[in-house]
C-alpha atoms as a PDB file:
ATOM      1  CA  MET A   1      82.409 108.793  63.741  1.00  0.00           C
ATOM      2  CA  ASP A   2      85.137 111.225  64.690  1.00  0.00           C
ATOM      3  CA  LEU A   3      86.448 114.000  62.487  1.00  0.00           C
ATOM      4  CA  GLN A   4      89.842 112.414  61.858  1.00  0.00           C
ATOM      5  CA  GLY A   5      88.252 109.104  60.804  1.00  0.00           C
ATOM      6  CA  ASN A   6      85.892 110.904  58.422  1.00  0.00           C
ATOM      7  CA  VAL A   7      88.729 112.694  56.694  1.00  0.00           C
ATOM      8  CA  GLN A   8      90.800 109.528  56.355  1.00  0.00           C
ATOM      9  CA  GLU A   9      87.970 107.429  54.895  1.00  0.00           C
ATOM     10  CA  THR A  10      86.463 109.874  52.424  1.00  0.00           C
ATOM     11  CA  GLY A  11      89.562 111.801  51.505  1.00  0.00           C
ATOM     12  CA  ARG A  12      87.445 114.961  51.773  1.00  0.00           C
ATOM     13  CA  PRO A  13      86.990 117.446  54.569  1.00  0.00           C
ATOM     14  CA  CYS A  14      83.768 117.510  56.561  1.00  0.00           C
ATOM     15  CA  THR A  15      81.111 119.960  55.470  1.00  0.00           C
ATOM     16  CA  GLY A  16      78.635 121.928  57.517  1.00  0.00           C
ATOM     17  CA  ARG A  17      74.927 122.469  56.902  1.00  0.00           C
ATOM     18  CA  ALA A  18      75.476 125.271  54.425  1.00  0.00           C
ATOM     19  CA  GLY A  19      78.116 123.345  52.508  1.00  0.00           C
ATOM     20  CA  TRP A  20      81.092 125.102  54.071  1.00  0.00           C
ATOM     21  CA  LYS A  21      84.161 122.832  54.134  1.00  0.00           C
ATOM     22  CA  TYR A  22      85.734 122.344  57.581  1.00  0.00           C
ATOM     23  CA  THR A  23      89.289 121.015  57.569  1.00  0.00           C
ATOM     24  CA  PRO A  24      90.829 119.925  60.871  1.00  0.00           C
ATOM     25  CA  GLN A  25      92.805 123.186  60.827  1.00  0.00           C
ATOM     26  CA  VAL A  26      89.631 125.237  60.535  1.00  0.00           C
ATOM     27  CA  VAL A  27      87.977 123.301  63.367  1.00  0.00           C
ATOM     28  CA  LEU A  28      91.035 123.927  65.545  1.00  0.00           C
ATOM     29  CA  PHE A  29      90.916 127.628  64.654  1.00  0.00           C
ATOM     30  CA  LEU A  30      87.223 127.837  65.580  1.00  0.00           C
ATOM     31  CA  LEU A  31      87.914 126.056  68.863  1.00  0.00           C
ATOM     32  CA  LEU A  32      90.710 128.476  69.736  1.00  0.00           C
ATOM     33  CA  LEU A  33      88.485 131.388  68.766  1.00  0.00           C
ATOM     34  CA  ALA A  34      85.776 130.138  71.115  1.00  0.00           C
ATOM     35  CA  ILE A  35      88.265 129.729  73.965  1.00  0.00           C
ATOM     36  CA  GLY A  36      89.622 133.202  73.265  1.00  0.00           C
ATOM     37  CA  GLY A  37      86.102 134.604  73.369  1.00  0.00           C
ATOM     38  CA  VAL A  38      85.480 133.064  76.789  1.00  0.00           C
ATOM     39  CA  TRP A  39      88.797 134.454  78.081  1.00  0.00           C
ATOM     40  CA  PHE A  40      88.014 137.897  76.653  1.00  0.00           C
ATOM     41  CA  TRP A  41      84.572 137.876  78.270  1.00  0.00           C
ATOM     42  CA  TRP A  42      86.096 136.913  81.634  1.00  0.00           C
ATOM     43  CA  SER A  43      88.914 139.471  81.443  1.00  0.00           C
ATOM     44  CA  GLU A  44      86.603 142.314  80.413  1.00  0.00           C
ATOM     45  CA  SER A  45      83.715 141.499  82.770  1.00  0.00           C
ATOM     46  CA  GLY A  46      83.070 143.093  86.124  1.00  0.00           C
ATOM     47  CA  ASP A  47      82.875 146.667  87.349  1.00  0.00           C
ATOM     48  CA  TRP A  48      86.556 147.475  86.860  1.00  0.00           C
ATOM     49  CA  VAL A  49      87.544 150.924  85.626  1.00  0.00           C
ATOM     50  CA  LEU A  50      91.264 150.336  85.175  1.00  0.00           C
ATOM     51  CA  LYS A  51      93.622 147.395  84.760  1.00  0.00           C
ATOM     52  CA  VAL A  52      97.198 147.819  85.981  1.00  0.00           C
ATOM     53  CA  ASN A  53      99.518 145.156  84.591  1.00  0.00           C
ATOM     54  CA  GLY A  54      96.475 142.896  84.341  1.00  0.00           C
ATOM     55  CA  THR A  55      95.106 143.599  87.841  1.00  0.00           C
ATOM     56  CA  LYS A  56      91.639 145.133  87.914  1.00  0.00           C
ATOM     57  CA  ILE A  57      90.769 148.152  90.024  1.00  0.00           C
ATOM     58  CA  SER A  58      87.028 148.081  90.578  1.00  0.00           C
ATOM     59  CA  GLU A  59      84.718 151.060  90.608  1.00  0.00           C
ATOM     60  CA  ALA A  60      83.201 149.844  93.886  1.00  0.00           C
ATOM     61  CA  GLU A  61      86.554 149.655  95.685  1.00  0.00           C
ATOM     62  CA  TRP A  62      87.658 153.004  94.240  1.00  0.00           C
ATOM     63  CA  GLN A  63      84.452 154.615  95.479  1.00  0.00           C
ATOM     64  CA  ALA A  64      84.737 152.952  98.895  1.00  0.00           C
ATOM     65  CA  GLU A  65      88.288 154.239  99.412  1.00  0.00           C
ATOM     66  CA  THR A  66      87.218 157.697  98.233  1.00  0.00           C
ATOM     67  CA  ASP A  67      84.315 157.702 100.708  1.00  0.00           C
ATOM     68  CA  ARG A  68      86.707 156.783 103.521  1.00  0.00           C
ATOM     69  CA  ALA A  69      89.000 159.669 102.557  1.00  0.00           C
ATOM     70  CA  VAL A  70      86.056 162.078 102.461  1.00  0.00           C
ATOM     71  CA  ARG A  71      84.982 160.973 105.956  1.00  0.00           C
ATOM     72  CA  PHE A  72      88.579 161.343 107.178  1.00  0.00           C
ATOM     73  CA  PHE A  73      88.794 164.941 105.961  1.00  0.00           C
ATOM     74  CA  GLY A  74      85.474 165.687 107.615  1.00  0.00           C
ATOM     75  CA  ARG A  75      86.372 164.094 110.951  1.00  0.00           C
ATOM     76  CA  VAL A  76      89.990 165.322 111.255  1.00  0.00           C
ATOM     77  CA  TYR A  77      89.954 168.669 109.436  1.00  0.00           C
ATOM     78  CA  GLY A  78      86.271 169.582 109.552  1.00  0.00           C
ATOM     79  CA  LEU A  79      86.064 169.718 105.740  1.00  0.00           C
ATOM     80  CA  ASP A  80      82.732 168.708 104.225  1.00  0.00           C
ATOM     81  CA  LEU A  81      83.502 167.363 100.750  1.00  0.00           C
ATOM     82  CA  ARG A  82      80.039 165.940 100.186  1.00  0.00           C
ATOM     83  CA  GLY A  83      78.299 169.171  99.179  1.00  0.00           C
ATOM     84  CA  GLY A  84      78.032 170.518  95.665  1.00  0.00           C
ATOM     85  CA  THR A  85      80.346 173.458  96.358  1.00  0.00           C
ATOM     86  CA  ALA A  86      83.193 171.047  97.181  1.00  0.00           C
ATOM     87  CA  SER A  87      82.827 168.987  94.006  1.00  0.00           C
ATOM     88  CA  LYS A  88      86.143 170.153  92.536  1.00  0.00           C
ATOM     89  CA  LEU A  89      88.084 169.268  95.679  1.00  0.00           C
ATOM     90  CA  ARG A  90      86.211 165.975  95.968  1.00  0.00           C
ATOM     91  CA  ASP A  91      87.185 165.108  92.373  1.00  0.00           C
ATOM     92  CA  GLN A  92      90.814 165.864  93.207  1.00  0.00           C
ATOM     93  CA  VAL A  93      90.633 163.556  96.219  1.00  0.00           C
ATOM     94  CA  LYS A  94      89.074 160.822  94.086  1.00  0.00           C
ATOM     95  CA  GLN A  95      91.835 161.097  91.490  1.00  0.00           C
ATOM     96  CA  GLN A  96      94.474 160.990  94.219  1.00  0.00           C
ATOM     97  CA  ILE A  97      92.883 157.861  95.654  1.00  0.00           C
ATOM     98  CA  LEU A  98      93.031 156.204  92.216  1.00  0.00           C
ATOM     99  CA  ASN A  99      96.720 157.104  91.938  1.00  0.00           C
ATOM    100  CA  GLN A 100      97.346 155.548  95.342  1.00  0.00           C
ATOM    101  CA  MET A 101      95.549 152.366  94.285  1.00  0.00           C
ATOM    102  CA  ILE A 102      97.640 152.223  91.092  1.00  0.00           C
ATOM    103  CA  ASN A 103     100.835 152.664  93.103  1.00  0.00           C
ATOM    104  CA  ARG A 104      99.782 149.917  95.503  1.00  0.00           C
ATOM    105  CA  VAL A 105      99.247 147.443  92.666  1.00  0.00           C
ATOM    106  CA  LEU A 106     102.561 148.312  90.988  1.00  0.00           C
ATOM    107  CA  LEU A 107     104.573 148.122  94.208  1.00  0.00           C
ATOM    108  CA  LYS A 108     102.945 144.891  95.381  1.00  0.00           C
ATOM    109  CA  LYS A 109     103.654 143.209  92.053  1.00  0.00           C
ATOM    110  CA  ALA A 110     107.249 144.485  92.115  1.00  0.00           C
ATOM    111  CA  ALA A 111     107.706 143.111  95.637  1.00  0.00           C
ATOM    112  CA  ILE A 112     106.383 139.687  94.635  1.00  0.00           C
ATOM    113  CA  ARG A 113     108.701 139.630  91.602  1.00  0.00           C
ATOM    114  CA  ALA A 114     111.589 140.430  93.946  1.00  0.00           C
ATOM    115  CA  GLY A 115     110.731 137.390  96.061  1.00  0.00           C
ATOM    116  CA  ILE A 116     109.488 139.412  99.038  1.00  0.00           C
ATOM    117  CA  ARG A 117     106.923 137.699 101.231  1.00  0.00           C
ATOM    118  CA  VAL A 118     104.975 138.524 104.382  1.00  0.00           C
ATOM    119  CA  ASP A 119     103.881 135.637 106.601  1.00  0.00           C
ATOM    120  CA  ASP A 120     100.807 135.466 108.815  1.00  0.00           C
ATOM    121  CA  ALA A 121     102.831 135.954 112.006  1.00  0.00           C
ATOM    122  CA  GLU A 122     104.054 139.357 110.791  1.00  0.00           C
ATOM    123  CA  VAL A 123     100.510 140.438 109.960  1.00  0.00           C
ATOM    124  CA  ASP A 124      99.231 139.175 113.333  1.00  0.00           C
ATOM    125  CA  ALA A 125     101.947 141.121 115.162  1.00  0.00           C
ATOM    126  CA  ARG A 126     101.061 144.335 113.353  1.00  0.00           C
ATOM    127  CA  LEU A 127      97.337 143.857 114.013  1.00  0.00           C
ATOM    128  CA  ALA A 128      98.039 143.226 117.703  1.00  0.00           C
ATOM    129  CA  GLY A 129     100.023 146.467 117.880  1.00  0.00           C
ATOM    130  CA  ASP A 130      97.243 148.375 116.142  1.00  0.00           C
ATOM    131  CA  ALA A 131      94.691 146.914 118.548  1.00  0.00           C
ATOM    132  CA  ASP A 132      96.783 147.993 121.544  1.00  0.00           C
ATOM    133  CA  ARG A 133      97.079 151.537 120.202  1.00  0.00           C
ATOM    134  CA  ALA A 134      93.334 151.651 119.537  1.00  0.00           C
ATOM    135  CA  GLY A 135      92.493 150.533 123.068  1.00  0.00           C
ATOM    136  CA  GLY A 136      91.739 146.879 122.424  1.00  0.00           C
ATOM    137  CA  ILE A 137      90.455 144.668 119.632  1.00  0.00           C
ATOM    138  CA  ASP A 138      86.817 145.633 120.245  1.00  0.00           C
ATOM    139  CA  ARG A 139      87.621 149.328 119.959  1.00  0.00           C
ATOM    140  CA  MET A 140      89.655 148.687 116.811  1.00  0.00           C
ATOM    141  CA  GLN A 141      86.747 146.823 115.240  1.00  0.00           C
ATOM    142  CA  ASP A 142      84.443 149.740 116.109  1.00  0.00           C
ATOM    143  CA  ILE A 143      86.858 152.125 114.353  1.00  0.00           C
ATOM    144  CA  LEU A 144      87.022 149.848 111.319  1.00  0.00           C
ATOM    145  CA  LYS A 145      83.231 149.659 111.245  1.00  0.00           C
ATOM    146  CA  GLU A 146      83.064 153.453 111.224  1.00  0.00           C
ATOM    147  CA  GLN A 147      85.336 153.342 108.169  1.00  0.00           C
ATOM    148  CA  ASP A 148      83.237 150.649 106.450  1.00  0.00           C
ATOM    149  CA  LEU A 149      86.118 148.180 106.766  1.00  0.00           C
ATOM    150  CA  SER A 150      85.909 144.577 107.874  1.00  0.00           C
ATOM    151  CA  LEU A 151      88.722 143.077 109.928  1.00  0.00           C
ATOM    152  CA  ASP A 152      89.545 140.739 107.017  1.00  0.00           C
ATOM    153  CA  LYS A 153      89.808 143.666 104.612  1.00  0.00           C
ATOM    154  CA  TYR A 154      91.994 145.586 107.045  1.00  0.00           C
ATOM    155  CA  ARG A 155      94.176 142.503 107.448  1.00  0.00           C
ATOM    156  CA  GLU A 156      94.619 142.407 103.674  1.00  0.00           C
ATOM    157  CA  GLN A 157      95.601 146.089 103.653  1.00  0.00           C
ATOM    158  CA  VAL A 158      98.115 145.521 106.451  1.00  0.00           C
ATOM    159  CA  ARG A 159      99.688 142.659 104.481  1.00  0.00           C
ATOM    160  CA  ASP A 160     100.015 144.899 101.414  1.00  0.00           C
ATOM    161  CA  MET A 161     101.519 147.689 103.510  1.00  0.00           C
ATOM    162  CA  LEU A 162     104.099 145.351 105.055  1.00  0.00           C
ATOM    163  CA  ILE A 163     105.176 143.874 101.726  1.00  0.00           C
ATOM    164  CA  ILE A 164     105.575 147.368 100.235  1.00  0.00           C
ATOM    165  CA  GLN A 165     107.512 148.451 103.321  1.00  0.00           C
ATOM    166  CA  LYS A 166     109.883 145.517 102.831  1.00  0.00           C
ATOM    167  CA  LEU A 167     110.297 146.483  99.176  1.00  0.00           C
ATOM    168  CA  GLN A 168     111.194 150.029 100.170  1.00  0.00           C
ATOM    169  CA  ASP A 169     113.761 148.718 102.643  1.00  0.00           C
ATOM    170  CA  GLN A 170     115.297 146.575  99.908  1.00  0.00           C
ATOM    171  CA  VAL A 171     115.392 149.358  97.319  1.00  0.00           C
ATOM    172  CA  THR A 172     116.934 151.878  99.742  1.00  0.00           C
ATOM    173  CA  ARG A 173     119.170 149.599 101.823  1.00  0.00           C
ATOM    174  CA  ASP A 174     122.418 151.155 100.513  1.00  0.00           C
ATOM    175  CA  VAL A 175     121.411 154.779 101.167  1.00  0.00           C
ATOM    176  CA  LYS A 176     123.758 156.638 103.502  1.00  0.00           C
ATOM    177  CA  VAL A 177     124.092 160.149 104.888  1.00  0.00           C
ATOM    178  CA  GLU A 178     127.549 161.709 104.928  1.00  0.00           C
ATOM    179  CA  GLU A 179     128.825 163.762 107.844  1.00  0.00           C
ATOM    180  CA  ASN A 180     129.177 166.893 105.718  1.00  0.00           C
ATOM    181  CA  GLU A 181     125.469 166.642 104.796  1.00  0.00           C
ATOM    182  CA  ILE A 182     124.506 166.566 108.462  1.00  0.00           C
ATOM    183  CA  ARG A 183     126.797 169.493 109.233  1.00  0.00           C
ATOM    184  CA  THR A 184     125.353 171.551 106.380  1.00  0.00           C
ATOM    185  CA  ALA A 185     121.784 170.872 107.532  1.00  0.00           C
ATOM    186  CA  TYR A 186     122.764 171.903 111.058  1.00  0.00           C
ATOM    187  CA  GLU A 187     124.261 175.199 109.923  1.00  0.00           C
ATOM    188  CA  ILE A 188     121.192 176.010 107.817  1.00  0.00           C
ATOM    189  CA  ASN A 189     118.537 175.102 110.362  1.00  0.00           C
ATOM    190  CA  PHE A 190     119.948 175.907 113.810  1.00  0.00           C
ATOM    191  CA  PRO A 191     121.316 179.031 115.508  1.00  0.00           C
ATOM    192  CA  PRO A 192     124.806 178.944 117.066  1.00  0.00           C
ATOM    193  CA  GLY A 193     123.351 178.412 120.544  1.00  0.00           C
ATOM    194  CA  VAL A 194     122.225 174.864 119.686  1.00  0.00           C
ATOM    195  CA  ARG A 195     124.975 172.296 120.089  1.00  0.00           C
ATOM    196  CA  TYR A 196     125.680 170.135 117.029  1.00  0.00           C
ATOM    197  CA  GLU A 197     126.005 166.979 119.149  1.00  0.00           C
ATOM    198  CA  ASP A 198     122.523 167.482 120.592  1.00  0.00           C
ATOM    199  CA  VAL A 199     120.773 167.466 117.221  1.00  0.00           C
ATOM    200  CA  ARG A 200     123.131 165.423 115.049  1.00  0.00           C
ATOM    201  CA  GLU A 201     121.295 162.086 115.317  1.00  0.00           C
ATOM    202  CA  THR A 202     117.892 163.659 114.693  1.00  0.00           C
ATOM    203  CA  LEU A 203     119.266 165.443 111.636  1.00  0.00           C
ATOM    204  CA  ARG A 204     120.856 162.241 110.381  1.00  0.00           C
ATOM    205  CA  GLN A 205     117.615 160.291 110.678  1.00  0.00           C
ATOM    206  CA  ASN A 206     115.601 163.049 108.978  1.00  0.00           C
ATOM    207  CA  LEU A 207     118.093 163.320 106.108  1.00  0.00           C
ATOM    208  CA  LEU A 208     118.203 159.542 105.732  1.00  0.00           C
ATOM    209  CA  ALA A 209     114.399 159.312 105.593  1.00  0.00           C
ATOM    210  CA  ALA A 210     114.247 162.112 103.017  1.00  0.00           C
ATOM    211  CA  LYS A 211     116.881 160.483 100.787  1.00  0.00           C
ATOM    212  CA  LYS A 212     115.193 157.084 101.008  1.00  0.00           C
ATOM    213  CA  ASN A 213     111.830 158.607 100.139  1.00  0.00           C
ATOM    214  CA  GLN A 214     113.315 160.419  97.141  1.00  0.00           C
ATOM    215  CA  ILE A 215     114.944 157.248  95.810  1.00  0.00           C
ATOM    216  CA  PHE A 216     111.789 155.184  96.350  1.00  0.00           C
ATOM    217  CA  MET A 217     109.676 157.787  94.554  1.00  0.00           C
ATOM    218  CA  ARG A 218     112.005 157.560  91.565  1.00  0.00           C
ATOM    219  CA  TYR A 219     111.682 153.782  91.699  1.00  0.00           C
ATOM    220  CA  LEU A 220     107.888 154.087  91.696  1.00  0.00           C
ATOM    221  CA  GLU A 221     108.014 156.580  88.830  1.00  0.00           C
ATOM    222  CA  ASN A 222     109.931 154.029  86.751  1.00  0.00           C
ATOM    223  CA  LEU A 223     107.346 151.364  87.576  1.00  0.00           C
ATOM    224  CA  ARG A 224     104.604 153.681  86.341  1.00  0.00           C
ATOM    225  CA  LYS A 225     106.508 154.425  83.133  1.00  0.00           C
ATOM    226  CA  GLN A 226     106.913 150.711  82.451  1.00  0.00           C
ATOM    227  CA  GLY A 227     103.403 149.760  83.547  1.00  0.00           C
ATOM    228  CA  ARG A 228     100.584 148.606  81.291  1.00  0.00           C
ATOM    229  CA  PHE A 229      97.344 150.502  81.877  1.00  0.00           C
ATOM    230  CA  MET A 230      93.966 149.770  80.314  1.00  0.00           C
ATOM    231  CA  TYR A 231      91.120 152.153  81.071  1.00  0.00           C
ATOM    232  CA  ARG A 232      87.465 151.484  80.503  1.00  0.00           C
ATOM    233  CA  THR A 233      86.118 153.536  77.574  1.00  0.00           C
ATOM    234  CA  LYS A 234      83.914 155.523  79.933  1.00  0.00           C
ATOM    235  CA  MET A 235      85.339 156.283  83.353  1.00  0.00           C
ATOM    236  CA  PRO A 236      82.778 156.759  86.148  1.00  0.00           C
ATOM    237  CA  LYS A 237      82.252 160.216  87.595  1.00  0.00           C
END
């Protein structure tokens, strides 16, 4: 017999084994509590160290990106950050990587809210260009393997980069550089022997890029101020 029928026939609420009275409201409350417990277990499970607006950043991915940065510094600049003497610098790199991952989540979510999308054709075109610059798809895959990156993972990163790039273009689309700004930069940076007309366009592009970057950084700073961050009680070292 169902719960509702029992209540209607007896005029009394159901009771449990220990004599506790269970009204339909209490049963509903217990059901919601159970559902909430399952949701809490799911949302708190995993190896995440930080949630940014509900998106988890995992310890494994954080460590993987840090390892790639450490290898990059070693290969390009000859800096060995793996030894004990470089622990302070390595910690700084790891924190910077976490900040970059936070920024990526915030900007990607902002782009999606703004209705910005990247289709597969755009990603394919960018990957084809990268493969050409690397010397072919096989060479590019070898480079990715050296960085512990699969082609699928790199494809995902390219998609994120493109959507953030589109967001930046949208946020900074009204930025302009005035003629007097270009002239001032010319007078500060070049001797009289250099003709203004020869360097004007380069100066304009540099000033425009700098202004756009400044505005986009302020935009990102506002996203961080408004963001919701939840850290694990104990952050990994």
